Amino acid sequence: MSVILVTGGSGLVGKALQHVINTEPVGSRFGRRPDEQWVFVSSSEADLRNAEEARLLFEKYKPTHVIHLAAIVGGVYINMKNNLNFLRDNILINDNVLHTAYQTKVQKVISCLSTCVFPDKVTYPLDETKIHLGPPHDSNFGYSYAKRLVDVQNRAYKDQFGCNFTAAIPTSIFGPYDNFELGSAHVIPALIHKCYLAQKNGTPLVIGGSGKPLRQFIYSYDLAKLFIWQLREYDDVEPIILSVAEDQEVSIKQLAEAIVKAMHFKGVCLFDTNQAEGQFRKPASNAKLMTLIGDFEFTPFEKALDETVQWFLRHYEGARTGKARN
C-alpha cells in the first residue's frame, strides 16, 4: 500500500488534488488507485517550520510518497514587505520536510516551486535549464531563493543518498479554494474579490498597475492532474515546468475584462498605475512536459475562470476572504 502525504493539503492545490482523486474514475490515469491511501494535512496538524512537529507527522502517517505543497505564500505586495520572513519560514519548512522524508525512507518527494525562482534578467521562454542563471526579481527575492534552494537540496539528497526527490514548477495557479483575502491574495482571486466588493458597494473596480503585464495561468484542477502524473510517471531529479503553452499568456487587462464578464459587473474599471505590478512577463515553455505526458488537454481559460468565479460566489461565506478586514 502506498501512502501519499500531501502537505498544504487544505490549500488551493491540495483541495484540487482531493477533487481530482475523488472524481476521476478509480484506476484511471489521474484517479485514485486501489493500492493508494491519500492523506491531506494542513498547518493545523503540524507547523512544518518545527522539526519535531514534522517528525511526529511523518511518524503518524508513515508516508511512502510526499507531495510537498506547504509554504508561506502571498501576492506581490505582501512579498515585497516580508522578504526575510518568506525566506526564513520557507527554508525551515522545506528543510524539515525533505530531511524527515530522507530519514524515514520516503520513496519519492515532489516539491512545488514557482516560476519566481527564475532569474529576473533571462532570455525567454523560461525552461528548466535556466533556474540558476541569475538573481530573481527584487519584489519577492526571499520566497524565490527559498524555493530555488529546494532544487539544490533535491540534487544534494540524490547525489549523497540516492533519494528520489524532484520538483514541479507551475505557472500562476488559480481555482476553487484559493486565498481571496485582499492584501495577500494573488492576482486572480484578488481581482475576483475586489470585483465582488465593487459590485456590492457600487464603487469602481480598481486594478493595480497598468494592466499590461502578462501571465500564464494554470487551473488548479489541471495542475492536480499533472502532479498525479508526475508522482506516478516522472522520476528525474530535474524539475519540470507544469504550465499551459507560452502562447496562452493573458494580460492583466484581459484578465480583468474576463472577470468583469464572468461576474456581470456593470461598474467602472480603473487602472492605478501608481501601484507596483511585478515582472512584466515571464513566459515559460511546457515543451518538456508535453513531450513526456503525451495527450493532455488543459481547461480553456475562460471556462476555468468562470468555474472559479461561480465557486467563489457560492462559497463566499466560507471562503478565505479576510472578512473581518473588509
Protein backbone atom coordinates (compact mmCIF):
# COMPACT_ATOMS: atom_id res chain seq x y z
CA MET A 1 0.00 0.00 0.00
CA SER A 2 1.30 3.43 -0.99
CA VAL A 3 0.63 6.25 1.49
CA ILE A 4 0.75 9.63 -0.23
CA LEU A 5 1.10 12.51 2.20
CA VAL A 6 0.12 15.92 0.83
CA THR A 7 1.42 18.84 2.87
CA GLY A 8 -0.51 22.07 2.44
CA GLY A 9 -3.49 19.81 1.85
CA SER A 10 -6.13 22.41 2.70
CA GLY A 11 -4.79 24.97 0.22
CA LEU A 12 -5.57 25.68 -3.41
CA VAL A 13 -3.61 22.79 -4.96
CA GLY A 14 -4.26 20.38 -2.09
CA LYS A 15 -8.01 20.83 -2.48
CA ALA A 16 -7.66 20.40 -6.24
CA LEU A 17 -5.81 17.12 -5.70
CA GLN A 18 -8.61 15.93 -3.41
CA HIS A 19 -11.17 16.87 -6.07
CA VAL A 20 -9.37 15.02 -8.87
CA ILE A 21 -8.59 11.93 -6.80
CA ASN A 22 -12.24 11.72 -5.71
CA THR A 23 -13.90 12.46 -9.08
CA GLU A 24 -11.72 10.78 -11.71
CA PRO A 25 -12.56 7.10 -12.38
CA VAL A 26 -10.83 4.74 -9.95
CA GLY A 27 -7.78 3.17 -11.54
CA SER A 28 -7.61 5.73 -14.37
CA ARG A 29 -4.53 7.78 -15.18
CA PHE A 30 -5.48 10.53 -12.74
CA GLY A 31 -7.92 8.69 -10.48
CA ARG A 32 -7.37 7.00 -7.15
CA ARG A 33 -5.77 3.57 -7.32
CA PRO A 34 -6.86 0.67 -5.09
CA ASP A 35 -3.39 0.37 -3.54
CA GLU A 36 -3.16 4.08 -2.62
CA GLN A 37 -4.04 5.90 0.57
CA TRP A 38 -4.08 9.70 0.24
CA VAL A 39 -3.54 11.82 3.36
CA PHE A 40 -4.07 15.59 3.22
CA VAL A 41 -2.66 17.61 6.11
CA SER A 42 -2.65 21.32 6.92
CA SER A 43 -0.74 23.62 9.25
CA SER A 44 -3.38 22.99 11.93
CA GLU A 45 -1.99 19.46 12.27
CA ALA A 46 1.72 20.36 12.19
CA ASP A 47 3.80 23.51 11.95
CA LEU A 48 6.40 22.29 9.49
CA ARG A 49 8.76 25.09 10.49
CA ASN A 50 9.30 22.97 13.59
CA ALA A 51 11.49 19.88 13.02
CA GLU A 52 9.91 17.91 15.87
CA GLU A 53 6.38 18.53 14.59
CA ALA A 54 7.47 17.42 11.13
CA ARG A 55 8.96 14.23 12.60
CA LEU A 56 5.79 13.43 14.53
CA LEU A 57 3.65 13.99 11.43
CA PHE A 58 5.70 11.54 9.38
CA GLU A 59 5.73 9.10 12.29
CA LYS A 60 1.93 9.25 12.49
CA TYR A 61 1.16 8.64 8.81
CA LYS A 62 4.29 6.75 7.66
CA PRO A 63 4.15 8.07 4.08
CA THR A 64 5.78 6.25 1.20
CA HIS A 65 5.37 9.28 -1.07
CA VAL A 66 5.05 13.03 -0.40
CA ILE A 67 3.61 15.85 -2.49
CA HIS A 68 5.00 18.86 -0.68
CA LEU A 69 2.76 21.91 -1.19
CA ALA A 70 3.07 23.59 2.21
CA ALA A 71 4.55 27.09 2.03
CA ILE A 72 4.21 30.61 3.33
CA VAL A 73 2.86 32.39 0.25
CA GLY A 74 1.31 35.65 -0.87
CA GLY A 75 0.85 38.11 -3.70
CA VAL A 76 3.34 40.69 -4.92
CA TYR A 77 2.56 43.34 -2.27
CA ILE A 78 2.86 41.11 0.80
CA ASN A 79 6.03 39.58 -0.67
CA MET A 80 7.64 42.99 -1.03
CA LYS A 81 7.04 43.73 2.65
CA ASN A 82 8.10 40.35 4.05
CA ASN A 83 11.08 39.06 2.09
CA LEU A 84 13.00 37.97 5.18
CA ASN A 85 10.03 36.19 6.76
CA PHE A 86 9.24 34.43 3.50
CA LEU A 87 12.88 33.36 3.14
CA ARG A 88 13.31 32.01 6.68
CA ASP A 89 9.92 30.34 7.06
CA ASN A 90 10.05 28.56 3.73
CA ILE A 91 13.64 27.40 4.20
CA LEU A 92 12.61 25.85 7.54
CA ILE A 93 9.52 24.17 6.06
CA ASN A 94 11.35 22.74 3.06
CA ASP A 95 14.38 21.57 5.02
CA ASN A 96 12.26 19.82 7.64
CA VAL A 97 10.09 18.05 5.06
CA LEU A 98 12.98 16.89 2.89
CA HIS A 99 15.21 15.79 5.74
CA THR A 100 12.40 13.97 7.52
CA ALA A 101 11.50 12.26 4.24
CA TYR A 102 15.12 11.14 3.89
CA GLN A 103 15.28 9.92 7.49
CA THR A 104 12.05 7.92 7.19
CA LYS A 105 12.99 6.44 3.80
CA VAL A 106 10.16 8.03 1.81
CA GLN A 107 10.32 6.62 -1.73
CA LYS A 108 9.58 9.87 -3.55
CA VAL A 109 9.02 13.55 -2.83
CA ILE A 110 7.67 16.15 -5.25
CA SER A 111 8.04 19.74 -4.01
CA CYS A 112 6.09 22.63 -5.51
CA LEU A 113 8.21 25.56 -6.71
CA SER A 114 7.15 28.62 -8.70
CA THR A 115 8.25 30.49 -11.82
CA CYS A 116 9.53 33.23 -9.49
CA VAL A 117 12.60 31.02 -8.96
CA PHE A 118 13.81 32.05 -12.40
CA PRO A 119 16.19 34.98 -12.89
CA ASP A 120 14.74 38.42 -13.45
CA LYS A 121 17.08 39.02 -16.40
CA VAL A 122 16.93 35.95 -18.62
CA THR A 123 16.10 35.00 -22.20
CA TYR A 124 12.54 33.81 -22.81
CA PRO A 125 10.84 31.43 -22.81
CA LEU A 126 11.84 30.09 -19.42
CA ASP A 127 12.82 26.45 -19.33
CA GLU A 128 14.14 24.03 -16.75
CA THR A 129 17.81 24.79 -17.51
CA LYS A 130 17.61 28.49 -16.55
CA ILE A 131 16.73 28.42 -12.84
CA HIS A 132 20.17 29.39 -11.51
CA LEU A 133 21.39 31.78 -14.23
CA GLY A 134 20.97 34.98 -12.19
CA PRO A 135 19.17 36.62 -9.27
CA PRO A 136 15.35 36.56 -9.12
CA HIS A 137 13.15 39.64 -9.26
CA ASP A 138 13.66 42.03 -6.32
CA SER A 139 9.98 42.08 -5.39
CA ASN A 140 9.95 38.54 -3.95
CA PHE A 141 13.59 37.51 -3.67
CA GLY A 142 13.11 35.94 -0.22
CA TYR A 143 10.43 33.49 -1.35
CA SER A 144 12.23 32.90 -4.66
CA TYR A 145 15.57 31.95 -3.11
CA ALA A 146 13.88 29.67 -0.57
CA LYS A 147 12.10 27.84 -3.38
CA ARG A 148 15.20 27.79 -5.58
CA LEU A 149 17.12 26.15 -2.75
CA VAL A 150 14.74 23.16 -2.90
CA ASP A 151 16.20 22.29 -6.30
CA VAL A 152 19.70 22.45 -4.79
CA GLN A 153 18.61 20.25 -1.88
CA ASN A 154 16.95 17.70 -4.18
CA ARG A 155 20.16 17.32 -6.16
CA ALA A 156 22.24 17.04 -2.98
CA TYR A 157 20.00 14.35 -1.49
CA LYS A 158 20.13 12.40 -4.75
CA ASP A 159 23.89 12.83 -5.05
CA GLN A 160 24.69 11.82 -1.49
CA PHE A 161 21.91 9.38 -0.63
CA GLY A 162 20.22 8.44 -3.93
CA CYS A 163 16.88 9.97 -2.89
CA ASN A 164 14.12 10.26 -5.49
CA PHE A 165 13.36 13.92 -4.78
CA THR A 166 12.17 16.22 -7.55
CA ALA A 167 10.13 19.40 -8.05
CA ALA A 168 7.33 20.90 -10.11
CA ILE A 169 7.34 24.49 -11.35
CA PRO A 170 3.78 25.65 -12.00
CA THR A 171 2.97 28.99 -13.54
CA SER A 172 0.34 31.22 -11.86
CA ILE A 173 -2.29 28.95 -10.28
CA PHE A 174 -5.97 29.75 -9.71
CA GLY A 175 -9.16 27.89 -8.92
CA PRO A 176 -11.66 26.99 -6.18
CA TYR A 177 -10.45 27.16 -2.55
CA ASP A 178 -7.93 29.90 -3.39
CA ASN A 179 -6.96 32.63 -0.93
CA PHE A 180 -9.22 35.58 -1.80
CA GLU A 181 -8.10 37.82 1.07
CA LEU A 182 -7.21 41.30 -0.18
CA GLY A 183 -3.64 42.23 0.62
CA SER A 184 -2.29 38.68 0.48
CA ALA A 185 -4.08 37.06 -2.47
CA HIS A 186 -2.59 36.52 -5.90
CA VAL A 187 -3.93 38.46 -8.83
CA ILE A 188 -6.92 36.34 -9.94
CA PRO A 189 -8.53 35.76 -6.51
CA ALA A 190 -7.74 39.35 -5.51
CA LEU A 191 -9.48 40.77 -8.58
CA ILE A 192 -12.45 38.43 -8.17
CA HIS A 193 -12.91 39.60 -4.57
CA LYS A 194 -12.37 43.27 -5.47
CA CYS A 195 -14.94 42.97 -8.26
CA TYR A 196 -17.40 41.35 -5.84
CA LEU A 197 -16.99 44.20 -3.33
CA ALA A 198 -17.16 46.90 -6.03
CA GLN A 199 -20.39 45.40 -7.32
CA LYS A 200 -21.82 45.09 -3.81
CA ASN A 201 -20.85 48.64 -2.80
CA GLY A 202 -21.43 50.42 -6.11
CA THR A 203 -17.82 51.57 -6.32
CA PRO A 204 -15.25 51.42 -9.15
CA LEU A 205 -13.15 48.31 -9.65
CA VAL A 206 -9.55 49.47 -9.18
CA ILE A 207 -6.86 47.29 -10.77
CA GLY A 208 -3.31 47.77 -9.51
CA GLY A 209 -0.81 48.71 -12.22
CA SER A 210 -1.19 49.38 -15.92
CA GLY A 211 -2.89 46.15 -16.91
CA LYS A 212 -0.11 45.40 -19.40
CA PRO A 213 1.87 42.63 -17.62
CA LEU A 214 1.34 39.14 -19.00
CA ARG A 215 0.96 35.86 -17.13
CA GLN A 216 0.43 32.16 -17.88
CA PHE A 217 -2.37 30.93 -15.67
CA ILE A 218 -3.00 27.26 -14.91
CA TYR A 219 -6.26 25.96 -13.49
CA SER A 220 -5.74 24.15 -10.20
CA TYR A 221 -7.70 21.08 -11.32
CA ASP A 222 -5.43 20.73 -14.39
CA LEU A 223 -2.37 21.19 -12.20
CA ALA A 224 -3.60 18.48 -9.82
CA LYS A 225 -3.73 16.01 -12.71
CA LEU A 226 -0.18 16.97 -13.68
CA PHE A 227 1.03 16.38 -10.11
CA ILE A 228 -0.55 12.93 -10.15
CA TRP A 229 1.14 12.21 -13.47
CA GLN A 230 4.48 13.38 -12.06
CA LEU A 231 4.02 11.25 -8.95
CA ARG A 232 3.43 8.10 -10.99
CA GLU A 233 5.39 8.61 -14.18
CA TYR A 234 8.28 11.10 -13.68
CA ASP A 235 11.38 10.08 -11.72
CA ASP A 236 14.06 12.61 -12.66
CA VAL A 237 15.67 14.99 -10.16
CA GLU A 238 15.44 17.72 -12.80
CA PRO A 239 12.41 19.91 -12.04
CA ILE A 240 9.68 20.18 -14.64
CA ILE A 241 7.52 23.16 -15.63
CA LEU A 242 3.79 22.45 -15.32
CA SER A 243 2.02 25.02 -17.43
CA VAL A 244 -0.13 25.85 -20.40
CA ALA A 245 1.77 26.77 -23.56
CA GLU A 246 3.60 30.10 -23.73
CA ASP A 247 1.20 31.37 -26.41
CA GLN A 248 -1.55 31.24 -23.77
CA GLU A 249 -0.31 34.33 -21.92
CA VAL A 250 -3.07 36.63 -20.63
CA SER A 251 -2.60 40.32 -19.84
CA ILE A 252 -3.88 41.68 -16.53
CA LYS A 253 -6.21 43.89 -18.55
CA GLN A 254 -7.62 40.85 -20.38
CA LEU A 255 -7.94 39.07 -17.05
CA ALA A 256 -9.85 41.98 -15.51
CA GLU A 257 -12.19 42.08 -18.51
CA ALA A 258 -12.83 38.33 -18.23
CA ILE A 259 -13.63 38.65 -14.51
CA VAL A 260 -15.95 41.58 -15.17
CA LYS A 261 -17.74 39.47 -17.78
CA ALA A 262 -17.98 36.39 -15.55
CA MET A 263 -19.35 38.43 -12.65
CA HIS A 264 -21.65 40.61 -14.80
CA PHE A 265 -20.06 43.73 -13.31
CA LYS A 266 -21.58 46.90 -14.75
CA GLY A 267 -19.50 49.49 -12.92
CA VAL A 268 -16.38 51.50 -13.79
CA CYS A 269 -12.93 49.88 -14.07
CA LEU A 270 -9.84 51.96 -13.25
CA PHE A 271 -6.13 51.13 -13.51
CA ASP A 272 -3.96 52.60 -10.73
CA THR A 273 -0.55 52.98 -12.35
CA ASN A 274 0.97 54.12 -9.04
CA GLN A 275 0.80 50.55 -7.74
CA ALA A 276 3.63 48.08 -8.28
CA GLU A 277 2.92 45.20 -10.65
CA GLY A 278 5.95 42.86 -10.51
CA GLN A 279 7.67 41.44 -13.57
CA PHE A 280 6.23 42.44 -16.94
CA ARG A 281 6.16 38.86 -18.22
CA LYS A 282 7.85 35.54 -17.55
CA PRO A 283 6.69 33.13 -20.27
CA ALA A 284 7.58 29.51 -19.59
CA SER A 285 7.93 26.64 -22.04
CA ASN A 286 5.92 23.49 -21.38
CA ALA A 287 7.70 21.61 -24.18
CA LYS A 288 9.36 19.13 -21.82
CA LEU A 289 6.04 18.37 -20.10
CA MET A 290 4.10 17.86 -23.31
CA THR A 291 6.81 15.65 -24.80
CA LEU A 292 6.67 13.36 -21.76
CA ILE A 293 2.99 13.33 -20.86
CA GLY A 294 1.60 12.88 -24.36
CA ASP A 295 -2.11 13.55 -24.77
CA PHE A 296 -3.31 16.13 -22.25
CA GLU A 297 -5.94 18.84 -22.67
CA PHE A 298 -5.98 21.95 -20.50
CA THR A 299 -9.27 23.50 -19.44
CA PRO A 300 -9.94 26.62 -21.58
CA PHE A 301 -9.06 29.74 -19.57
CA GLU A 302 -12.48 31.41 -19.65
CA LYS A 303 -14.23 28.17 -18.63
CA ALA A 304 -11.80 27.66 -15.72
CA LEU A 305 -12.17 31.31 -14.66
CA ASP A 306 -15.96 31.12 -14.78
CA GLU A 307 -15.92 27.94 -12.65
CA THR A 308 -13.68 29.72 -10.13
CA VAL A 309 -15.95 32.77 -10.00
CA GLN A 310 -19.04 30.61 -9.55
CA TRP A 311 -17.35 28.66 -6.76
CA PHE A 312 -16.42 31.94 -5.03
CA LEU A 313 -19.96 33.28 -5.27
CA ARG A 314 -21.46 30.02 -3.93
CA HIS A 315 -18.95 29.72 -1.10
CA TYR A 316 -18.34 33.35 -0.19
CA GLU A 317 -19.26 32.91 3.45
CA GLY A 318 -16.80 30.05 3.89
CA ALA A 319 -14.08 31.20 1.51
CA ARG A 320 -10.77 32.70 2.66
CA THR A 321 -11.60 36.38 2.26
CA GLY A 322 -10.44 38.03 5.49
CA LYS A 323 -13.98 39.33 6.02
CA ALA A 324 -13.11 40.94 9.34
CA ARG A 325 -10.88 43.37 7.44
CA ASN A 326 -13.36 44.24 4.71
